[in-house]
């Protein structure tokens, strides 16, 4: 069973692609609405402002690679 994150916490996203590759992160709620979008170049990205409690999907796009993970807050 997944461990839910709590409001006020941060979530670190780790991407194994090379650091110089531009990566996009998108957080989508259970209704399919994008609630957060950003880009980064490092291997680790910290989500500092978590959305309200609920079920979300975090998608990271790095070049031709796409990873999506469920996140419960």
Protein backbone atom coordinates (compact mmCIF):
# COMPACT_ATOMS: atom_id res chain seq x y z
CA UNK A 1 0.00 0.00 0.00
CA UNK A 2 1.46 3.42 -0.88
CA UNK A 3 2.55 5.74 1.90
CA UNK A 4 0.61 9.02 1.57
CA UNK A 5 2.44 12.33 1.74
CA UNK A 6 1.13 14.98 4.12
CA UNK A 7 0.51 18.67 3.51
CA UNK A 8 3.61 20.72 4.31
CA UNK A 9 6.00 17.95 3.26
CA UNK A 10 8.18 17.91 0.17
CA UNK A 11 8.56 15.16 -2.39
CA UNK A 12 11.85 14.52 -4.21
CA UNK A 13 11.65 13.18 -7.74
CA UNK A 14 14.78 11.39 -8.95
CA UNK A 15 15.44 11.08 -12.67
CA UNK A 16 18.25 8.86 -13.94
CA UNK A 17 18.64 10.73 -17.25
CA UNK A 18 21.79 12.79 -17.76
CA UNK A 19 21.79 16.09 -15.88
CA UNK A 20 22.16 18.22 -19.01
CA UNK A 21 18.93 16.81 -20.52
CA UNK A 22 15.91 19.07 -20.04
CA UNK A 23 13.17 17.32 -18.08
CA UNK A 24 9.53 18.34 -17.65
CA UNK A 25 7.47 17.45 -14.59
CA UNK A 26 3.68 17.58 -14.61
CA UNK A 27 1.26 16.80 -11.75
CA UNK A 28 -2.26 15.82 -12.82
CA UNK A 29 -5.20 15.23 -10.48
CA UNK A 30 -7.55 12.23 -10.66
CA UNK A 31 -9.92 14.23 -12.93
CA UNK A 32 -7.14 14.75 -15.49
CA UNK A 33 -6.58 18.45 -14.71
CA UNK A 34 -2.95 19.63 -14.67
CA UNK A 35 -2.31 21.25 -11.30
CA UNK A 36 1.46 21.83 -11.62
CA UNK A 37 4.01 21.95 -14.41
CA UNK A 38 7.71 22.85 -14.43
CA UNK A 39 11.03 21.94 -16.07
CA UNK A 40 14.45 21.12 -14.63
CA UNK A 41 17.94 20.01 -15.68
CA UNK A 42 19.26 18.28 -12.56
CA UNK A 43 18.86 14.63 -11.53
CA UNK A 44 16.69 15.50 -8.50
CA UNK A 45 13.63 17.76 -8.46
CA UNK A 46 11.87 18.76 -5.23
CA UNK A 47 8.13 19.38 -5.22
CA UNK A 48 7.90 21.93 -2.41
CA UNK A 49 4.26 22.92 -2.75
CA UNK A 50 2.11 19.83 -2.66
CA UNK A 51 -1.47 20.14 -3.84
CA UNK A 52 -4.48 19.55 -1.58
CA UNK A 53 -5.03 15.98 -0.33
CA UNK A 54 -6.06 13.53 -3.03
CA UNK A 55 -4.75 11.19 -5.73
CA UNK A 56 -2.38 12.61 -8.34
CA UNK A 57 -0.20 11.35 -11.17
CA UNK A 58 3.33 12.72 -11.57
CA UNK A 59 4.70 12.55 -15.11
CA UNK A 60 8.35 13.22 -15.95
CA UNK A 61 9.39 13.60 -19.58
CA UNK A 62 13.11 13.47 -20.40
CA UNK A 63 13.88 13.39 -24.10
CA UNK A 64 11.99 10.40 -25.55
CA UNK A 65 11.48 8.82 -22.12
CA UNK A 66 8.28 9.23 -20.11
CA UNK A 67 7.63 7.99 -16.56
CA UNK A 68 4.34 8.32 -14.69
CA UNK A 69 3.84 7.52 -11.02
CA UNK A 70 0.81 7.69 -8.76
CA UNK A 71 1.10 10.01 -5.73
CA UNK A 72 -1.32 10.03 -2.78
CA UNK A 73 -1.44 13.09 -0.52
